[in-house]
Amino acid sequence: MPTNEAQNIAAAVECDTLRDAELLFRALQHANDRGTTESLYAELERRWEIHHGTQFGQWLEKVAADQS
């Protein structure tokens, strides 16, 4: 069953480590005949940090809230 980038990122965010998330995301993208880019990895990292509540993720959420 084909998946899109958003679905692949959502699945990868559930991984315990960012490295595992990156590996899963890459595998899912390639399974759907799509590549990966720095901007996709940056989005994955941003979402992973926020999802896992890291200090960096908390900072990202604060910055986003301050800008809105």
Protein backbone atom coordinates (compact mmCIF):
# COMPACT_ATOMS: atom_id res chain seq x y z
CA MET A 1 0.00 0.00 0.00
CA PRO A 2 1.57 3.31 -1.05
CA THR A 3 2.15 5.99 1.57
CA ASN A 4 2.89 9.69 1.29
CA GLU A 5 5.59 11.79 2.96
CA ALA A 6 3.33 12.91 5.80
CA GLN A 7 2.39 9.31 6.62
CA ASN A 8 6.04 8.26 6.50
CA ILE A 9 7.08 11.07 8.84
CA ALA A 10 4.21 10.23 11.21
CA ALA A 11 5.35 6.61 11.38
CA ALA A 12 9.01 7.51 11.83
CA VAL A 13 8.30 9.97 14.65
CA GLU A 14 7.17 7.03 16.80
CA CYS A 15 10.70 5.56 16.85
CA ASP A 16 12.61 5.74 20.13
CA THR A 17 15.67 7.43 18.67
CA LEU A 18 16.08 10.08 16.00
CA ARG A 19 18.55 7.84 14.16
CA ASP A 20 16.00 5.01 14.02
CA ALA A 21 13.41 7.51 12.83
CA GLU A 22 15.70 8.67 10.03
CA LEU A 23 16.40 5.09 8.94
CA LEU A 24 12.71 4.15 8.93
CA PHE A 25 11.76 7.32 7.06
CA ARG A 26 14.40 6.67 4.41
CA ALA A 27 13.24 3.06 3.99
CA LEU A 28 9.59 4.10 3.69
CA GLN A 29 10.39 6.82 1.18
CA HIS A 30 12.43 4.48 -0.97
CA ALA A 31 9.78 1.76 -0.75
CA ASN A 32 7.45 4.26 -2.40
CA ASP A 33 9.98 5.21 -5.11
CA ARG A 34 10.70 8.57 -3.52
CA GLY A 35 13.96 9.98 -2.33
CA THR A 36 14.82 12.04 0.71
CA THR A 37 16.04 15.61 1.00
CA GLU A 38 17.65 17.70 3.70
CA SER A 39 14.41 19.61 4.14
CA LEU A 40 12.46 16.39 4.72
CA TYR A 41 15.01 15.22 7.28
CA ALA A 42 14.82 18.64 8.97
CA GLU A 43 11.03 18.35 9.18
CA LEU A 44 11.33 14.83 10.55
CA GLU A 45 13.81 16.02 13.19
CA ARG A 46 11.58 18.94 14.18
CA ARG A 47 8.54 16.70 14.58
CA TRP A 48 10.52 13.98 16.40
CA GLU A 49 11.96 16.49 18.90
CA ILE A 50 8.52 17.93 19.64
CA HIS A 51 6.84 14.51 19.82
CA HIS A 52 9.40 13.22 22.30
CA GLY A 53 9.36 16.38 24.42
CA THR A 54 13.08 17.05 24.29
CA GLN A 55 14.42 20.41 25.45
CA PHE A 56 14.99 21.35 21.83
CA GLY A 57 11.44 20.28 20.97
CA GLN A 58 10.06 22.41 23.79
CA TRP A 59 12.08 25.36 22.52
CA LEU A 60 10.76 24.81 18.99
CA GLU A 61 7.18 24.84 20.28
CA LYS A 62 7.83 28.03 22.27
CA VAL A 63 9.33 29.79 19.26
CA ALA A 64 6.39 28.72 17.09
CA ALA A 65 3.92 29.96 19.70
CA ASP A 66 5.75 33.28 20.02
CA GLN A 67 5.57 33.80 16.26
CA SER A 68 1.82 33.26 16.04
